[in-house]
């Protein structure tokens, strides 16, 4: 059998790898092996970061809700337990948006739950 050096197929595959490695530094951009390894690590980190993003957003919502509740003399944990006691179903994202965009509506919810 004749020796196959790759040619068109190999260069196309290498170009695809190098295109994905754009923005990397050093050998992770210049060499195909380094780029391939860099891409694998980048994808692994992207997977992890997608999970962390959900955690970070939830904690941000909680901080915002807590900041809106403190002037009313309530803490976040007490407010959430009151909500559960009254069977009010509001997620943290919506309450966070209310705290920023429409504080009066959040005040009405607080008054209704606290009574």
N, C-alpha and C. Protein backbone atom coordinates (compact mmCIF):
# COMPACT_ATOMS: atom_id res chain seq x y z
N UNK A 1 0.83 -1.20 0.00
CA UNK A 1 0.00 0.00 0.00
C UNK A 1 0.87 1.25 0.00
N UNK A 2 0.37 2.29 -0.61
CA UNK A 2 1.11 3.54 -0.70
C UNK A 2 1.03 4.29 0.62
N UNK A 3 2.06 5.05 0.91
CA UNK A 3 2.10 5.84 2.14
C UNK A 3 1.18 7.04 1.98
N UNK A 4 0.36 7.27 3.00
CA UNK A 4 -0.56 8.40 2.97
C UNK A 4 -0.12 9.40 4.03
N UNK A 5 0.20 10.60 3.59
CA UNK A 5 0.68 11.62 4.52
C UNK A 5 -0.45 12.53 5.00
N UNK A 6 -1.64 12.34 4.52
CA UNK A 6 -2.77 13.15 4.97
C UNK A 6 -3.17 14.18 3.96
N UNK A 7 -2.26 15.08 3.70
CA UNK A 7 -2.52 16.11 2.69
C UNK A 7 -3.73 16.95 3.01
N UNK A 8 -4.69 16.93 2.14
CA UNK A 8 -5.87 17.79 2.24
C UNK A 8 -6.67 17.50 3.50
N UNK A 9 -6.87 16.23 3.79
CA UNK A 9 -7.69 15.86 4.94
C UNK A 9 -7.02 16.31 6.24
N UNK A 10 -5.72 16.05 6.34
CA UNK A 10 -5.01 16.43 7.56
C UNK A 10 -4.98 17.94 7.73
N UNK A 11 -4.67 18.65 6.67
CA UNK A 11 -4.58 20.11 6.79
C UNK A 11 -5.94 20.71 7.14
N UNK A 12 -6.99 20.12 6.62
CA UNK A 12 -8.34 20.62 6.94
C UNK A 12 -8.64 20.40 8.43
N UNK A 13 -8.27 19.22 8.93
CA UNK A 13 -8.49 18.92 10.35
C UNK A 13 -7.64 19.83 11.24
N UNK A 14 -6.38 20.04 10.84
CA UNK A 14 -5.50 20.92 11.61
C UNK A 14 -6.01 22.35 11.61
N UNK A 15 -6.48 22.81 10.46
CA UNK A 15 -7.02 24.17 10.38
C UNK A 15 -8.23 24.34 11.28
N UNK A 16 -9.06 23.30 11.35
CA UNK A 16 -10.24 23.34 12.21
C UNK A 16 -9.82 23.46 13.68
N UNK A 17 -8.81 22.69 14.06
CA UNK A 17 -8.31 22.73 15.44
C UNK A 17 -7.72 24.10 15.74
N UNK A 18 -6.90 24.63 14.82
CA UNK A 18 -6.28 25.93 15.05
C UNK A 18 -7.31 27.06 15.09
N UNK A 19 -8.37 26.90 14.33
CA UNK A 19 -9.43 27.91 14.35
C UNK A 19 -10.11 27.95 15.72
N UNK A 20 -10.32 26.77 16.31
CA UNK A 20 -10.94 26.70 17.63
C UNK A 20 -10.01 27.23 18.71
N UNK A 21 -8.68 27.18 18.45
CA UNK A 21 -7.70 27.60 19.45
C UNK A 21 -7.34 29.07 19.33
N UNK A 22 -8.06 29.82 18.53
CA UNK A 22 -7.77 31.24 18.39
C UNK A 22 -7.98 31.94 19.73
N UNK A 23 -7.06 32.82 20.08
CA UNK A 23 -7.14 33.51 21.36
C UNK A 23 -6.31 32.88 22.45
N UNK A 24 -5.80 31.67 22.20
CA UNK A 24 -4.92 31.02 23.16
C UNK A 24 -3.53 31.63 23.05
N UNK A 25 -2.67 31.34 24.04
CA UNK A 25 -1.31 31.87 24.04
C UNK A 25 -0.30 30.78 23.74
N UNK A 26 0.83 31.18 23.17
CA UNK A 26 1.98 30.30 23.01
C UNK A 26 1.73 29.09 22.14
N UNK A 27 2.26 27.93 22.59
CA UNK A 27 2.15 26.72 21.77
C UNK A 27 0.72 26.22 21.70
N UNK A 28 -0.14 26.70 22.58
CA UNK A 28 -1.55 26.28 22.52
C UNK A 28 -2.26 26.90 21.33
N UNK A 29 -1.66 27.91 20.75
CA UNK A 29 -2.21 28.48 19.53
C UNK A 29 -1.43 28.01 18.30
N UNK A 30 -0.10 27.88 18.45
CA UNK A 30 0.74 27.64 17.27
C UNK A 30 0.81 26.18 16.84
N UNK A 31 0.91 25.25 17.80
CA UNK A 31 1.09 23.85 17.42
C UNK A 31 -0.23 23.11 17.51
N UNK A 32 -0.38 22.12 16.68
CA UNK A 32 -1.65 21.39 16.63
C UNK A 32 -1.85 20.58 17.90
N UNK A 33 -0.79 19.91 18.37
CA UNK A 33 -0.92 19.12 19.61
C UNK A 33 -1.27 20.01 20.79
N UNK A 34 -0.57 21.13 20.90
CA UNK A 34 -0.84 22.05 22.00
C UNK A 34 -2.24 22.64 21.91
N UNK A 35 -2.65 22.95 20.69
CA UNK A 35 -3.99 23.51 20.49
C UNK A 35 -5.06 22.50 20.85
N UNK A 36 -4.83 21.24 20.47
CA UNK A 36 -5.80 20.20 20.75
C UNK A 36 -5.97 20.03 22.27
N UNK A 37 -4.86 20.04 22.97
CA UNK A 37 -4.90 19.91 24.43
C UNK A 37 -5.58 21.12 25.05
N UNK A 38 -5.26 22.30 24.55
CA UNK A 38 -5.88 23.52 25.06
C UNK A 38 -7.38 23.54 24.86
N UNK A 39 -7.82 23.05 23.71
CA UNK A 39 -9.25 23.00 23.42
C UNK A 39 -9.95 22.04 24.38
N UNK A 40 -9.34 20.89 24.63
CA UNK A 40 -9.94 19.92 25.56
C UNK A 40 -10.10 20.53 26.95
N UNK A 41 -9.06 21.22 27.43
CA UNK A 41 -9.15 21.83 28.75
C UNK A 41 -10.16 22.98 28.76
N UNK A 42 -10.21 23.73 27.66
CA UNK A 42 -11.15 24.85 27.59
C UNK A 42 -12.59 24.34 27.63
N UNK A 43 -12.86 23.25 26.94
CA UNK A 43 -14.21 22.69 26.94
C UNK A 43 -14.58 22.14 28.31
N UNK A 44 -13.60 21.52 28.99
CA UNK A 44 -13.86 21.01 30.34
C UNK A 44 -14.17 22.16 31.29
N UNK A 45 -13.39 23.25 31.18
CA UNK A 45 -13.64 24.41 32.04
C UNK A 45 -14.97 25.07 31.71
N UNK A 46 -15.35 25.08 30.45
CA UNK A 46 -16.63 25.66 30.05
C UNK A 46 -17.79 24.88 30.67
N UNK A 47 -17.65 23.56 30.70
CA UNK A 47 -18.68 22.70 31.30
C UNK A 47 -18.83 23.02 32.78
N UNK A 48 -17.70 23.11 33.47
CA UNK A 48 -17.71 23.42 34.90
C UNK A 48 -18.32 24.80 35.15
N UNK A 49 -17.94 25.77 34.31
CA UNK A 49 -18.41 27.14 34.50
C UNK A 49 -19.90 27.29 34.26
N UNK A 50 -20.45 26.46 33.37
CA UNK A 50 -21.90 26.51 33.16
C UNK A 50 -22.65 26.10 34.42
N UNK A 51 -22.10 25.16 35.16
CA UNK A 51 -22.72 24.75 36.42
C UNK A 51 -22.54 25.84 37.49
N UNK A 52 -21.33 26.42 37.54
CA UNK A 52 -21.05 27.46 38.54
C UNK A 52 -21.88 28.71 38.29
N UNK A 53 -22.18 28.99 37.03
CA UNK A 53 -22.96 30.18 36.69
C UNK A 53 -24.33 30.12 37.35
N UNK A 54 -24.93 28.93 37.36
CA UNK A 54 -26.25 28.76 37.97
C UNK A 54 -26.18 29.04 39.47
N UNK A 55 -25.12 28.54 40.12
CA UNK A 55 -24.94 28.78 41.56
C UNK A 55 -24.72 30.26 41.85
N UNK A 56 -23.88 30.89 41.04
CA UNK A 56 -23.56 32.30 41.25
C UNK A 56 -24.79 33.18 41.07
N UNK A 57 -25.61 32.88 40.07
CA UNK A 57 -26.81 33.68 39.84
C UNK A 57 -27.79 33.54 41.01
N UNK A 58 -27.96 32.31 41.50
CA UNK A 58 -28.86 32.10 42.63
C UNK A 58 -28.39 32.89 43.85
N UNK A 59 -27.08 32.86 44.13
CA UNK A 59 -26.58 33.59 45.29
C UNK A 59 -26.71 35.10 45.09
N UNK A 60 -26.57 35.58 43.85
CA UNK A 60 -26.78 37.00 43.57
C UNK A 60 -28.23 37.40 43.83
N UNK A 61 -29.16 36.55 43.40
CA UNK A 61 -30.58 36.83 43.65
C UNK A 61 -30.85 36.91 45.15
N UNK A 62 -30.26 35.99 45.91
CA UNK A 62 -30.48 35.96 47.35
C UNK A 62 -29.92 37.23 48.00
N UNK A 63 -28.75 37.67 47.57
CA UNK A 63 -28.15 38.90 48.11
C UNK A 63 -29.05 40.10 47.81
N UNK A 64 -29.58 40.16 46.60
CA UNK A 64 -30.46 41.29 46.24
C UNK A 64 -31.73 41.30 47.06
N UNK A 65 -32.33 40.11 47.24
CA UNK A 65 -33.56 40.03 48.04
C UNK A 65 -33.27 40.44 49.48
N UNK A 66 -32.17 39.94 50.01
CA UNK A 66 -31.79 40.26 51.39
C UNK A 66 -31.57 41.76 51.55
N UNK A 67 -30.93 42.39 50.57
CA UNK A 67 -30.68 43.83 50.63
C UNK A 67 -31.99 44.61 50.60
N UNK A 68 -32.99 44.11 49.89
CA UNK A 68 -34.29 44.79 49.85
C UNK A 68 -35.08 44.57 51.14
N UNK A 69 -34.84 43.45 51.83
CA UNK A 69 -35.60 43.13 53.04
C UNK A 69 -35.04 43.79 54.29
N UNK A 70 -33.74 44.02 54.34
CA UNK A 70 -33.10 44.55 55.55
C UNK A 70 -33.69 45.88 56.04
N UNK A 71 -33.97 46.84 55.15
CA UNK A 71 -34.59 48.09 55.64
C UNK A 71 -35.98 47.88 56.25
N UNK A 72 -36.63 46.79 55.90
CA UNK A 72 -37.97 46.49 56.44
C UNK A 72 -37.87 45.74 57.76
N UNK A 73 -36.64 45.44 58.21
CA UNK A 73 -36.45 44.74 59.47
C UNK A 73 -36.59 43.23 59.35
N UNK A 74 -36.45 42.70 58.16
CA UNK A 74 -36.55 41.26 57.94
C UNK A 74 -35.24 40.72 57.41
N UNK A 75 -35.00 39.46 57.69
CA UNK A 75 -33.85 38.79 57.06
C UNK A 75 -34.37 37.88 55.96
N UNK A 76 -33.48 37.49 55.10
CA UNK A 76 -33.85 36.63 53.97
C UNK A 76 -34.44 35.31 54.45
N UNK A 77 -33.78 34.69 55.42
CA UNK A 77 -34.22 33.36 55.86
C UNK A 77 -35.61 33.41 56.50
N UNK A 78 -35.86 34.45 57.29
CA UNK A 78 -37.18 34.58 57.92
C UNK A 78 -38.26 34.84 56.86
N UNK A 79 -37.92 35.65 55.87
CA UNK A 79 -38.87 35.95 54.80
C UNK A 79 -39.23 34.70 54.01
N UNK A 80 -38.23 33.89 53.68
CA UNK A 80 -38.47 32.67 52.92
C UNK A 80 -39.32 31.70 53.73
N UNK A 81 -39.06 31.60 55.04
CA UNK A 81 -39.86 30.69 55.86
C UNK A 81 -41.31 31.19 55.95
N UNK A 82 -41.50 32.52 55.99
CA UNK A 82 -42.86 33.08 55.97
C UNK A 82 -43.57 32.78 54.66
N UNK A 83 -42.83 32.91 53.55
CA UNK A 83 -43.41 32.60 52.24
C UNK A 83 -43.88 31.15 52.19
N UNK A 84 -43.05 30.25 52.68
CA UNK A 84 -43.41 28.83 52.66
C UNK A 84 -44.58 28.55 53.58
N UNK A 85 -44.64 29.27 54.72
CA UNK A 85 -45.76 29.10 55.65
C UNK A 85 -47.08 29.54 55.06
N UNK A 86 -47.05 30.58 54.22
CA UNK A 86 -48.27 31.09 53.59
C UNK A 86 -48.54 30.43 52.23
N UNK A 87 -47.70 29.48 51.83
CA UNK A 87 -47.82 28.78 50.54
C UNK A 87 -47.77 29.73 49.35
N UNK A 88 -46.91 30.72 49.43
CA UNK A 88 -46.70 31.64 48.32
C UNK A 88 -45.57 31.07 47.46
N UNK A 89 -45.86 30.90 46.17
CA UNK A 89 -44.86 30.32 45.27
C UNK A 89 -44.30 31.43 44.39
N UNK A 90 -43.14 31.94 44.78
CA UNK A 90 -42.40 32.93 43.99
C UNK A 90 -40.95 32.50 43.98
N UNK A 91 -40.37 32.42 42.80
CA UNK A 91 -38.96 32.01 42.79
C UNK A 91 -38.06 33.21 43.06
N UNK A 92 -36.81 32.91 43.36
CA UNK A 92 -35.87 33.94 43.78
C UNK A 92 -35.53 34.92 42.65
N UNK A 93 -35.53 34.42 41.43
CA UNK A 93 -35.22 35.28 40.29
C UNK A 93 -36.28 36.38 40.15
N UNK A 94 -37.54 36.00 40.26
CA UNK A 94 -38.64 36.96 40.14
C UNK A 94 -38.59 37.97 41.28
N UNK A 95 -38.35 37.49 42.50
CA UNK A 95 -38.29 38.41 43.64
C UNK A 95 -37.11 39.37 43.51
N UNK A 96 -35.99 38.88 42.99
CA UNK A 96 -34.83 39.74 42.77
C UNK A 96 -35.14 40.83 41.75
N UNK A 97 -35.81 40.44 40.66
CA UNK A 97 -36.20 41.42 39.65
C UNK A 97 -37.18 42.45 40.23
N UNK A 98 -38.10 41.98 41.07
CA UNK A 98 -39.04 42.90 41.71
C UNK A 98 -38.30 43.88 42.63
N UNK A 99 -37.32 43.39 43.34
CA UNK A 99 -36.56 44.25 44.26
C UNK A 99 -35.86 45.38 43.52
N UNK A 100 -35.43 45.11 42.29
CA UNK A 100 -34.72 46.12 41.51
C UNK A 100 -35.70 47.00 40.73
N UNK A 101 -36.60 46.38 39.98
CA UNK A 101 -37.44 47.11 39.03
C UNK A 101 -38.69 47.71 39.69
N UNK A 102 -39.29 46.97 40.62
CA UNK A 102 -40.57 47.41 41.17
C UNK A 102 -40.61 47.15 42.69
N UNK A 103 -39.92 47.97 43.47
CA UNK A 103 -39.86 47.72 44.92
C UNK A 103 -41.21 47.83 45.63
N UNK A 104 -42.13 48.62 45.06
CA UNK A 104 -43.44 48.77 45.70
C UNK A 104 -44.22 47.45 45.68
N UNK A 105 -44.11 46.72 44.60
CA UNK A 105 -44.78 45.42 44.51
C UNK A 105 -44.18 44.45 45.53
N UNK A 106 -42.86 44.49 45.67
CA UNK A 106 -42.21 43.63 46.66
C UNK A 106 -42.65 44.02 48.07
N UNK A 107 -42.83 45.32 48.32
CA UNK A 107 -43.31 45.76 49.63
C UNK A 107 -44.70 45.21 49.92
N UNK A 108 -45.55 45.17 48.90
CA UNK A 108 -46.90 44.61 49.09
C UNK A 108 -46.83 43.13 49.42
N UNK A 109 -45.93 42.43 48.75
CA UNK A 109 -45.75 41.00 49.03
C UNK A 109 -45.26 40.80 50.46
N UNK A 110 -44.31 41.64 50.87
CA UNK A 110 -43.77 41.54 52.24
C UNK A 110 -44.87 41.79 53.26
N UNK A 111 -45.69 42.83 53.04
CA UNK A 111 -46.78 43.14 53.97
C UNK A 111 -47.79 42.01 54.04
N UNK A 112 -48.10 41.42 52.90
CA UNK A 112 -49.07 40.34 52.86
C UNK A 112 -48.55 39.10 53.59
N UNK A 113 -47.28 38.81 53.41
CA UNK A 113 -46.70 37.62 54.04
C UNK A 113 -46.49 37.85 55.54
N UNK A 114 -46.08 39.06 55.91
CA UNK A 114 -45.77 39.35 57.32
C UNK A 114 -47.03 39.41 58.18
N UNK A 115 -48.18 39.70 57.58
CA UNK A 115 -49.41 39.82 58.38
C UNK A 115 -50.01 38.48 58.74
